[in-house]
Amino acid sequence: MRIDRIKFATALAKKDINILRLAKLSGVSRVTISGVKHGKSCARTTAEKLAAVLGQEILEEEA
């Protein structure tokens, strides 16, 4: 599953959260979050964990 990079970065800024803090809040590793931030895909469960902290708007629309 892909997370929209722009929406992801915007959500981080709006919530004033850095990658380390997001890792602690979501239970997802820093390395995985960094990969997602740079456009890599991730497992649905990972996307759901990140969306739970940042908001559902970060998820890309599925075609």
N, C-alpha and C. Protein backbone atom coordinates (compact mmCIF):
# COMPACT_ATOMS: atom_id res chain seq x y z
N MET A 1 0.85 -1.17 0.00
CA MET A 1 0.00 0.00 0.00
C MET A 1 0.90 1.23 0.00
N ARG A 2 0.45 2.25 -0.67
CA ARG A 2 1.23 3.49 -0.72
C ARG A 2 0.55 4.59 0.09
N ILE A 3 1.40 5.40 0.67
CA ILE A 3 0.95 6.58 1.39
C ILE A 3 1.36 7.79 0.57
N ASP A 4 0.46 8.72 0.42
CA ASP A 4 0.74 9.94 -0.34
C ASP A 4 1.84 10.73 0.36
N ARG A 5 2.97 10.90 -0.32
CA ARG A 5 4.14 11.55 0.28
C ARG A 5 3.87 12.98 0.71
N ILE A 6 3.15 13.72 -0.10
CA ILE A 6 2.87 15.12 0.21
C ILE A 6 1.93 15.22 1.41
N LYS A 7 0.89 14.40 1.41
CA LYS A 7 -0.05 14.40 2.52
C LYS A 7 0.64 13.94 3.81
N PHE A 8 1.55 12.98 3.66
CA PHE A 8 2.31 12.47 4.81
C PHE A 8 3.15 13.59 5.43
N ALA A 9 3.90 14.29 4.59
CA ALA A 9 4.76 15.38 5.08
C ALA A 9 3.91 16.50 5.68
N THR A 10 2.78 16.80 5.06
CA THR A 10 1.89 17.83 5.58
C THR A 10 1.33 17.44 6.94
N ALA A 11 0.92 16.18 7.08
CA ALA A 11 0.38 15.70 8.35
C ALA A 11 1.43 15.74 9.46
N LEU A 12 2.67 15.39 9.13
CA LEU A 12 3.76 15.48 10.11
C LEU A 12 3.94 16.92 10.58
N ALA A 13 3.92 17.85 9.64
CA ALA A 13 4.10 19.25 9.98
C ALA A 13 2.92 19.78 10.81
N LYS A 14 1.70 19.45 10.39
CA LYS A 14 0.51 19.92 11.11
C LYS A 14 0.49 19.43 12.55
N LYS A 15 0.88 18.18 12.75
CA LYS A 15 0.87 17.60 14.10
C LYS A 15 2.15 17.91 14.86
N ASP A 16 3.12 18.54 14.17
CA ASP A 16 4.41 18.88 14.76
C ASP A 16 5.08 17.62 15.35
N ILE A 17 5.14 16.59 14.49
CA ILE A 17 5.73 15.30 14.88
C ILE A 17 6.90 15.01 13.95
N ASN A 18 8.01 14.54 14.50
CA ASN A 18 9.12 14.10 13.66
C ASN A 18 9.05 12.57 13.52
N ILE A 19 9.94 12.01 12.72
CA ILE A 19 9.90 10.57 12.44
C ILE A 19 10.12 9.75 13.71
N LEU A 20 11.03 10.18 14.56
CA LEU A 20 11.28 9.44 15.80
C LEU A 20 10.04 9.39 16.68
N ARG A 21 9.37 10.52 16.84
CA ARG A 21 8.15 10.58 17.66
C ARG A 21 7.04 9.74 17.02
N LEU A 22 6.91 9.82 15.70
CA LEU A 22 5.90 9.02 15.00
C LEU A 22 6.17 7.54 15.21
N ALA A 23 7.43 7.15 15.19
CA ALA A 23 7.79 5.74 15.41
C ALA A 23 7.34 5.29 16.80
N LYS A 24 7.57 6.13 17.80
CA LYS A 24 7.16 5.79 19.16
C LYS A 24 5.64 5.71 19.29
N LEU A 25 4.94 6.65 18.68
CA LEU A 25 3.47 6.70 18.79
C LEU A 25 2.78 5.58 18.01
N SER A 26 3.36 5.21 16.87
CA SER A 26 2.70 4.24 15.99
C SER A 26 3.19 2.80 16.18
N GLY A 27 4.39 2.64 16.73
CA GLY A 27 4.95 1.30 16.86
C GLY A 27 5.58 0.80 15.56
N VAL A 28 5.83 1.71 14.63
CA VAL A 28 6.46 1.39 13.35
C VAL A 28 7.90 1.87 13.42
N SER A 29 8.83 1.10 12.85
CA SER A 29 10.25 1.46 12.95
C SER A 29 10.57 2.75 12.18
N ARG A 30 11.61 3.43 12.64
CA ARG A 30 12.07 4.66 11.97
C ARG A 30 12.46 4.38 10.52
N VAL A 31 13.10 3.25 10.29
CA VAL A 31 13.54 2.90 8.94
C VAL A 31 12.34 2.74 8.00
N THR A 32 11.30 2.08 8.48
CA THR A 32 10.10 1.89 7.68
C THR A 32 9.43 3.23 7.40
N ILE A 33 9.33 4.07 8.42
CA ILE A 33 8.70 5.39 8.24
C ILE A 33 9.50 6.23 7.26
N SER A 34 10.81 6.18 7.36
CA SER A 34 11.65 6.93 6.43
C SER A 34 11.43 6.45 4.99
N GLY A 35 11.32 5.15 4.81
CA GLY A 35 11.05 4.60 3.48
C GLY A 35 9.71 5.07 2.95
N VAL A 36 8.70 5.03 3.79
CA VAL A 36 7.37 5.49 3.40
C VAL A 36 7.41 6.97 3.02
N LYS A 37 8.13 7.75 3.80
CA LYS A 37 8.24 9.18 3.54
C LYS A 37 8.88 9.45 2.18
N HIS A 38 9.74 8.55 1.74
CA HIS A 38 10.42 8.71 0.46
C HIS A 38 9.76 7.94 -0.68
N GLY A 39 8.52 7.48 -0.46
CA GLY A 39 7.74 6.91 -1.55
C GLY A 39 7.66 5.41 -1.65
N LYS A 40 8.27 4.69 -0.73
CA LYS A 40 8.19 3.23 -0.79
C LYS A 40 6.82 2.77 -0.31
N SER A 41 6.40 1.63 -0.79
CA SER A 41 5.13 1.07 -0.34
C SER A 41 5.33 0.36 1.00
N CYS A 42 4.22 0.07 1.66
CA CYS A 42 4.28 -0.60 2.96
C CYS A 42 3.08 -1.53 3.10
N ALA A 43 3.12 -2.35 4.11
CA ALA A 43 2.01 -3.26 4.39
C ALA A 43 0.78 -2.45 4.83
N ARG A 44 -0.37 -3.00 4.59
CA ARG A 44 -1.62 -2.34 4.98
C ARG A 44 -1.63 -2.04 6.48
N THR A 45 -1.16 -2.98 7.29
CA THR A 45 -1.16 -2.76 8.74
C THR A 45 -0.26 -1.59 9.13
N THR A 46 0.85 -1.43 8.44
CA THR A 46 1.75 -0.31 8.70
C THR A 46 1.06 1.00 8.34
N ALA A 47 0.43 1.03 7.17
CA ALA A 47 -0.29 2.23 6.74
C ALA A 47 -1.39 2.59 7.73
N GLU A 48 -2.08 1.58 8.23
CA GLU A 48 -3.16 1.82 9.19
C GLU A 48 -2.63 2.38 10.50
N LYS A 49 -1.47 1.89 10.94
CA LYS A 49 -0.87 2.40 12.18
C LYS A 49 -0.47 3.87 12.02
N LEU A 50 0.13 4.19 10.88
CA LEU A 50 0.54 5.57 10.63
C LEU A 50 -0.68 6.48 10.48
N ALA A 51 -1.69 5.99 9.79
CA ALA A 51 -2.92 6.77 9.60
C ALA A 51 -3.64 7.01 10.92
N ALA A 52 -3.54 6.05 11.84
CA ALA A 52 -4.18 6.22 13.14
C ALA A 52 -3.57 7.40 13.91
N VAL A 53 -2.28 7.64 13.72
CA VAL A 53 -1.61 8.74 14.40
C VAL A 53 -1.78 10.05 13.61
N LEU A 54 -1.61 9.97 12.29
CA LEU A 54 -1.59 11.19 11.47
C LEU A 54 -2.94 11.57 10.86
N GLY A 55 -3.82 10.60 10.69
CA GLY A 55 -5.11 10.86 10.05
C GLY A 55 -5.26 10.10 8.75
N GLN A 56 -6.46 9.70 8.45
CA GLN A 56 -6.73 8.88 7.28
C GLN A 56 -6.40 9.55 5.95
N GLU A 57 -6.30 10.87 5.94
CA GLU A 57 -6.07 11.58 4.68
C GLU A 57 -4.71 11.27 4.05
N ILE A 58 -3.80 10.63 4.78
CA ILE A 58 -2.48 10.32 4.22
C ILE A 58 -2.50 9.16 3.25
N LEU A 59 -3.55 8.33 3.31
CA LEU A 59 -3.63 7.14 2.47
C LEU A 59 -3.98 7.53 1.04
N GLU A 60 -3.31 6.89 0.06
CA GLU A 60 -3.63 7.14 -1.34
C GLU A 60 -4.93 6.44 -1.68
N GLU A 61 -5.65 7.03 -2.61
CA GLU A 61 -6.88 6.42 -3.10
C GLU A 61 -6.53 5.16 -3.87
N GLU A 62 -7.27 4.10 -3.61
CA GLU A 62 -7.04 2.85 -4.34
C GLU A 62 -7.89 2.84 -5.59
N ALA A 63 -7.28 2.44 -6.70
CA ALA A 63 -8.00 2.42 -7.98
C ALA A 63 -8.71 1.11 -8.19
